[in-house]
Amino acid sequence: MTLNHVLPPVMLVLSNLFMTLAWYGHLKFTDRPLFLVIVASWTIAFIEYVIAVPANRIGHRVYSAAELKTMQEVITLSVFALFSLVYLKEPITLNHAVGFAFIVIGAGIVFRGPF
């Protein structure tokens, strides 16, 4: 396994931390004006793009675009689940867990499927 295999998932985890914060971090600050929240979110999202775009460029050397997108979705759900639990203090219900599991199963098919 090369750095081109390892670096993209690591970078995608980091970028997802920023994107999740941009998309959902403001939910604890409902007293702030929406315009201010949008500007703050876009600023945080810019950092996410600075990390995600190179991650996909590097990753495309060894992964297909479909594999990169699948990896991104699983990472997004994983980061979101932890963010929801730790930051938002919202539980992950059985329905959430089962739905997420189906997505992970789908990712397994994309990477090592029987077809």
N, C-alpha and C. Protein backbone atom coordinates (compact mmCIF):
# COMPACT_ATOMS: atom_id res chain seq x y z
N MET A 1 0.86 -1.18 0.00
CA MET A 1 0.00 0.00 0.00
C MET A 1 0.90 1.24 0.00
N THR A 2 0.57 2.18 -0.88
CA THR A 2 1.38 3.38 -1.03
C THR A 2 0.75 4.58 -0.32
N LEU A 3 1.52 5.65 -0.29
CA LEU A 3 1.01 6.90 0.29
C LEU A 3 -0.22 7.38 -0.47
N ASN A 4 -0.27 7.11 -1.79
CA ASN A 4 -1.44 7.49 -2.59
C ASN A 4 -2.69 6.73 -2.16
N HIS A 5 -2.54 5.58 -1.54
CA HIS A 5 -3.69 4.82 -1.03
C HIS A 5 -4.14 5.34 0.34
N VAL A 6 -3.18 5.75 1.16
CA VAL A 6 -3.45 6.10 2.55
C VAL A 6 -3.81 7.58 2.73
N LEU A 7 -3.10 8.44 2.02
CA LEU A 7 -3.29 9.88 2.22
C LEU A 7 -4.71 10.37 1.90
N PRO A 8 -5.32 9.96 0.81
CA PRO A 8 -6.68 10.46 0.53
C PRO A 8 -7.71 10.17 1.63
N PRO A 9 -7.80 8.94 2.15
CA PRO A 9 -8.78 8.74 3.23
C PRO A 9 -8.49 9.59 4.47
N VAL A 10 -7.22 9.76 4.80
CA VAL A 10 -6.87 10.59 5.95
C VAL A 10 -7.29 12.03 5.70
N MET A 11 -6.99 12.52 4.50
CA MET A 11 -7.38 13.89 4.15
C MET A 11 -8.90 14.05 4.10
N LEU A 12 -9.60 13.02 3.63
CA LEU A 12 -11.06 13.09 3.57
C LEU A 12 -11.67 13.12 4.97
N VAL A 13 -11.08 12.42 5.91
CA VAL A 13 -11.56 12.49 7.30
C VAL A 13 -11.38 13.92 7.82
N LEU A 14 -10.21 14.48 7.60
CA LEU A 14 -9.95 15.85 8.06
C LEU A 14 -10.90 16.84 7.39
N SER A 15 -11.08 16.71 6.08
CA SER A 15 -11.98 17.64 5.38
C SER A 15 -13.41 17.50 5.88
N ASN A 16 -13.80 16.27 6.20
CA ASN A 16 -15.16 16.05 6.70
C ASN A 16 -15.38 16.64 8.08
N LEU A 17 -14.35 16.69 8.89
CA LEU A 17 -14.48 17.36 10.18
C LEU A 17 -14.86 18.82 9.97
N PHE A 18 -14.19 19.47 9.01
CA PHE A 18 -14.51 20.87 8.72
C PHE A 18 -15.90 21.02 8.10
N MET A 19 -16.25 20.14 7.17
CA MET A 19 -17.54 20.27 6.51
C MET A 19 -18.69 20.02 7.49
N THR A 20 -18.54 19.03 8.34
CA THR A 20 -19.58 18.76 9.32
C THR A 20 -19.75 19.95 10.27
N LEU A 21 -18.63 20.53 10.67
CA LEU A 21 -18.70 21.72 11.51
C LEU A 21 -19.38 22.87 10.76
N ALA A 22 -19.05 23.03 9.49
CA ALA A 22 -19.67 24.11 8.70
C ALA A 22 -21.17 23.90 8.55
N TRP A 23 -21.58 22.66 8.30
CA TRP A 23 -22.99 22.40 8.04
C TRP A 23 -23.84 22.32 9.29
N TYR A 24 -23.27 21.81 10.39
CA TYR A 24 -24.09 21.52 11.57
C TYR A 24 -23.64 22.23 12.84
N GLY A 25 -22.46 22.81 12.85
CA GLY A 25 -21.94 23.45 14.06
C GLY A 25 -22.79 24.61 14.53
N HIS A 26 -23.42 25.31 13.60
CA HIS A 26 -24.23 26.48 13.94
C HIS A 26 -25.53 26.11 14.65
N LEU A 27 -25.90 24.85 14.67
CA LEU A 27 -27.18 24.46 15.29
C LEU A 27 -27.21 24.75 16.78
N LYS A 28 -26.04 24.92 17.39
CA LYS A 28 -26.00 25.30 18.80
C LYS A 28 -26.05 26.82 18.99
N PHE A 29 -26.07 27.56 17.90
CA PHE A 29 -26.04 29.02 17.97
C PHE A 29 -27.23 29.61 17.23
N THR A 30 -28.42 29.18 17.59
CA THR A 30 -29.63 29.63 16.88
C THR A 30 -29.96 31.09 17.16
N ASP A 31 -29.29 31.70 18.12
CA ASP A 31 -29.53 33.11 18.42
C ASP A 31 -28.73 34.04 17.50
N ARG A 32 -27.83 33.50 16.69
CA ARG A 32 -27.01 34.30 15.79
C ARG A 32 -27.78 34.57 14.48
N PRO A 33 -27.54 35.72 13.88
CA PRO A 33 -28.22 36.03 12.61
C PRO A 33 -27.83 35.02 11.53
N LEU A 34 -28.79 34.66 10.71
CA LEU A 34 -28.56 33.66 9.68
C LEU A 34 -27.44 34.08 8.73
N PHE A 35 -27.40 35.35 8.36
CA PHE A 35 -26.35 35.82 7.45
C PHE A 35 -24.96 35.55 8.04
N LEU A 36 -24.79 35.84 9.32
CA LEU A 36 -23.51 35.60 10.00
C LEU A 36 -23.16 34.11 10.00
N VAL A 37 -24.15 33.28 10.24
CA VAL A 37 -23.94 31.83 10.24
C VAL A 37 -23.53 31.35 8.85
N ILE A 38 -24.15 31.89 7.82
CA ILE A 38 -23.81 31.51 6.45
C ILE A 38 -22.37 31.89 6.12
N VAL A 39 -21.97 33.10 6.47
CA VAL A 39 -20.60 33.54 6.19
C VAL A 39 -19.60 32.68 6.97
N ALA A 40 -19.88 32.42 8.21
CA ALA A 40 -18.98 31.57 9.01
C ALA A 40 -18.91 30.16 8.42
N SER A 41 -20.04 29.62 8.02
CA SER A 41 -20.07 28.28 7.44
C SER A 41 -19.29 28.21 6.13
N TRP A 42 -19.43 29.20 5.29
CA TRP A 42 -18.70 29.22 4.02
C TRP A 42 -17.19 29.33 4.26
N THR A 43 -16.82 30.09 5.27
CA THR A 43 -15.40 30.22 5.61
C THR A 43 -14.83 28.88 6.04
N ILE A 44 -15.56 28.17 6.88
CA ILE A 44 -15.12 26.84 7.32
C ILE A 44 -15.13 25.87 6.15
N ALA A 45 -16.15 25.96 5.30
CA ALA A 45 -16.25 25.06 4.14
C ALA A 45 -15.10 25.29 3.16
N PHE A 46 -14.60 26.51 3.07
CA PHE A 46 -13.45 26.77 2.20
C PHE A 46 -12.25 25.92 2.63
N ILE A 47 -12.03 25.82 3.92
CA ILE A 47 -10.93 24.98 4.44
C ILE A 47 -11.18 23.53 4.03
N GLU A 48 -12.42 23.09 4.10
CA GLU A 48 -12.76 21.73 3.70
C GLU A 48 -12.38 21.50 2.23
N TYR A 49 -12.70 22.44 1.37
CA TYR A 49 -12.38 22.31 -0.05
C TYR A 49 -10.88 22.26 -0.29
N VAL A 50 -10.14 23.07 0.47
CA VAL A 50 -8.68 23.10 0.32
C VAL A 50 -8.08 21.73 0.65
N ILE A 51 -8.74 20.96 1.48
CA ILE A 51 -8.26 19.62 1.83
C ILE A 51 -8.88 18.56 0.92
N ALA A 52 -10.17 18.66 0.63
CA ALA A 52 -10.87 17.62 -0.13
C ALA A 52 -10.46 17.56 -1.60
N VAL A 53 -10.26 18.71 -2.22
CA VAL A 53 -9.91 18.70 -3.65
C VAL A 53 -8.58 18.00 -3.88
N PRO A 54 -7.52 18.32 -3.14
CA PRO A 54 -6.28 17.56 -3.33
C PRO A 54 -6.41 16.09 -2.93
N ALA A 55 -7.23 15.81 -1.93
CA ALA A 55 -7.44 14.41 -1.54
C ALA A 55 -8.00 13.61 -2.71
N ASN A 56 -8.96 14.18 -3.41
CA ASN A 56 -9.55 13.49 -4.56
C ASN A 56 -8.58 13.44 -5.74
N ARG A 57 -7.82 14.49 -5.93
CA ARG A 57 -6.84 14.49 -7.03
C ARG A 57 -5.78 13.41 -6.80
N ILE A 58 -5.25 13.36 -5.57
CA ILE A 58 -4.25 12.34 -5.23
C ILE A 58 -4.89 10.96 -5.27
N GLY A 59 -6.08 10.84 -4.70
CA GLY A 59 -6.76 9.56 -4.63
C GLY A 59 -7.11 8.98 -5.98
N HIS A 60 -7.37 9.84 -6.95
CA HIS A 60 -7.77 9.35 -8.28
C HIS A 60 -6.62 8.64 -9.00
N ARG A 61 -5.42 8.77 -8.46
CA ARG A 61 -4.29 8.02 -9.03
C ARG A 61 -4.44 6.52 -8.77
N VAL A 62 -5.14 6.17 -7.68
CA VAL A 62 -5.24 4.76 -7.31
C VAL A 62 -6.67 4.27 -7.10
N TYR A 63 -7.62 5.19 -6.98
CA TYR A 63 -9.03 4.85 -6.79
C TYR A 63 -9.83 5.41 -7.96
N SER A 64 -10.93 4.75 -8.29
CA SER A 64 -11.85 5.32 -9.28
C SER A 64 -12.64 6.45 -8.61
N ALA A 65 -13.28 7.27 -9.44
CA ALA A 65 -14.13 8.34 -8.90
C ALA A 65 -15.26 7.75 -8.05
N ALA A 66 -15.82 6.64 -8.49
CA ALA A 66 -16.90 5.99 -7.72
C ALA A 66 -16.39 5.50 -6.37
N GLU A 67 -15.18 4.97 -6.35
CA GLU A 67 -14.61 4.52 -5.07
C GLU A 67 -14.34 5.70 -4.14
N LEU A 68 -13.83 6.80 -4.70
CA LEU A 68 -13.59 7.99 -3.88
C LEU A 68 -14.90 8.53 -3.30
N LYS A 69 -15.94 8.57 -4.12
CA LYS A 69 -17.23 9.08 -3.65
C LYS A 69 -17.81 8.17 -2.57
N THR A 70 -17.68 6.87 -2.77
CA THR A 70 -18.16 5.91 -1.77
C THR A 70 -17.41 6.08 -0.46
N MET A 71 -16.10 6.19 -0.56
CA MET A 71 -15.26 6.41 0.62
C MET A 71 -15.70 7.68 1.34
N GLN A 72 -15.94 8.73 0.56
CA GLN A 72 -16.38 10.01 1.11
C GLN A 72 -17.69 9.86 1.90
N GLU A 73 -18.63 9.12 1.36
CA GLU A 73 -19.93 8.96 2.02
C GLU A 73 -19.81 8.21 3.34
N VAL A 74 -19.02 7.15 3.35
CA VAL A 74 -18.84 6.39 4.60
C VAL A 74 -18.12 7.25 5.64
N ILE A 75 -17.10 7.98 5.20
CA ILE A 75 -16.39 8.87 6.12
C ILE A 75 -17.34 9.95 6.63
N THR A 76 -18.14 10.51 5.75
CA THR A 76 -19.10 11.55 6.15
C THR A 76 -20.05 11.05 7.24
N LEU A 77 -20.59 9.86 7.04
CA LEU A 77 -21.50 9.31 8.04
C LEU A 77 -20.80 9.03 9.36
N SER A 78 -19.58 8.52 9.29
CA SER A 78 -18.83 8.23 10.51
C SER A 78 -18.52 9.50 11.29
N VAL A 79 -18.03 10.51 10.58
CA VAL A 79 -17.72 11.79 11.23
C VAL A 79 -19.00 12.41 11.78
N PHE A 80 -20.07 12.38 10.99
CA PHE A 80 -21.33 12.96 11.45
C PHE A 80 -21.85 12.26 12.70
N ALA A 81 -21.78 10.93 12.72
CA ALA A 81 -22.28 10.18 13.89
C ALA A 81 -21.53 10.60 15.15
N LEU A 82 -20.22 10.70 15.06
CA LEU A 82 -19.44 11.13 16.23
C LEU A 82 -19.75 12.58 16.60
N PHE A 83 -19.86 13.45 15.60
CA PHE A 83 -20.19 14.85 15.83
C PHE A 83 -21.54 14.98 16.51
N SER A 84 -22.50 14.21 16.02
CA SER A 84 -23.84 14.24 16.58
C SER A 84 -23.83 13.83 18.06
N LEU A 85 -23.10 12.79 18.35
CA LEU A 85 -23.02 12.31 19.74
C LEU A 85 -22.27 13.28 20.64
N VAL A 86 -21.10 13.71 20.20
CA VAL A 86 -20.20 14.49 21.06
C VAL A 86 -20.59 15.97 21.12
N TYR A 87 -20.80 16.60 19.98
CA TYR A 87 -21.03 18.04 19.93
C TYR A 87 -22.50 18.40 20.11
N LEU A 88 -23.36 17.75 19.34
CA LEU A 88 -24.79 18.08 19.42
C LEU A 88 -25.51 17.37 20.55
N LYS A 89 -24.86 16.37 21.12
CA LYS A 89 -25.45 15.57 22.21
C LYS A 89 -26.75 14.90 21.78
N GLU A 90 -26.78 14.48 20.51
CA GLU A 90 -27.95 13.77 19.98
C GLU A 90 -27.59 12.30 19.81
N PRO A 91 -28.47 11.44 20.24
CA PRO A 91 -28.16 10.00 20.15
C PRO A 91 -28.27 9.49 18.72
N ILE A 92 -27.55 8.42 18.45
CA ILE A 92 -27.71 7.68 17.21
C ILE A 92 -28.70 6.56 17.53
N THR A 93 -29.85 6.59 16.90
CA THR A 93 -30.89 5.60 17.18
C THR A 93 -30.61 4.31 16.42
N LEU A 94 -31.36 3.29 16.73
CA LEU A 94 -31.24 2.02 16.02
C LEU A 94 -31.54 2.21 14.54
N ASN A 95 -32.55 3.00 14.22
CA ASN A 95 -32.87 3.28 12.81
C ASN A 95 -31.68 3.92 12.10
N HIS A 96 -31.03 4.90 12.76
CA HIS A 96 -29.86 5.53 12.17
C HIS A 96 -28.77 4.49 11.93
N ALA A 97 -28.49 3.70 12.95
CA ALA A 97 -27.41 2.70 12.86
C ALA A 97 -27.67 1.69 11.75
N VAL A 98 -28.91 1.24 11.63
CA VAL A 98 -29.24 0.27 10.58
C VAL A 98 -29.11 0.92 9.21
N GLY A 99 -29.60 2.13 9.06
CA GLY A 99 -29.47 2.85 7.79
C GLY A 99 -28.01 3.06 7.42
N PHE A 100 -27.20 3.49 8.38
CA PHE A 100 -25.77 3.67 8.14
C PHE A 100 -25.12 2.35 7.76
N ALA A 101 -25.53 1.28 8.42
CA ALA A 101 -24.96 -0.05 8.12
C ALA A 101 -25.24 -0.46 6.68
N PHE A 102 -26.43 -0.17 6.20
CA PHE A 102 -26.74 -0.48 4.80
C PHE A 102 -25.84 0.29 3.83
N ILE A 103 -25.55 1.52 4.18
CA ILE A 103 -24.65 2.31 3.34
C ILE A 103 -23.24 1.72 3.36
N VAL A 104 -22.80 1.28 4.52
CA VAL A 104 -21.48 0.63 4.62
C VAL A 104 -21.46 -0.67 3.82
N ILE A 105 -22.56 -1.42 3.88
CA ILE A 105 -22.65 -2.65 3.07
C ILE A 105 -22.55 -2.30 1.58
N GLY A 106 -23.23 -1.24 1.18
CA GLY A 106 -23.14 -0.79 -0.21
C GLY A 106 -21.72 -0.41 -0.58
N ALA A 107 -21.01 0.23 0.34
CA ALA A 107 -19.60 0.58 0.09
C ALA A 107 -18.76 -0.68 -0.09
N GLY A 108 -19.05 -1.68 0.71
CA GLY A 108 -18.33 -2.95 0.57
C GLY A 108 -18.54 -3.55 -0.81
N ILE A 109 -19.73 -3.42 -1.33
CA ILE A 109 -20.02 -3.94 -2.67
C ILE A 109 -19.24 -3.15 -3.72
N VAL A 110 -19.17 -1.83 -3.55
CA VAL A 110 -18.42 -1.01 -4.50
C VAL A 110 -16.95 -1.43 -4.53
N PHE A 111 -16.37 -1.68 -3.37
CA PHE A 111 -14.94 -1.99 -3.29
C PHE A 111 -14.61 -3.47 -3.54
N ARG A 112 -15.48 -4.38 -3.09
CA ARG A 112 -15.15 -5.79 -3.20
C ARG A 112 -16.37 -6.64 -3.56
N GLY A 113 -17.30 -6.05 -4.23
CA GLY A 113 -18.57 -6.71 -4.49
C GLY A 113 -18.47 -8.01 -5.27
N PRO A 114 -19.52 -8.79 -5.18
CA PRO A 114 -19.55 -10.09 -5.84
C PRO A 114 -19.80 -10.02 -7.34
N PHE A 115 -20.02 -8.83 -7.87
CA PHE A 115 -20.40 -8.69 -9.27
C PHE A 115 -19.20 -8.51 -10.17
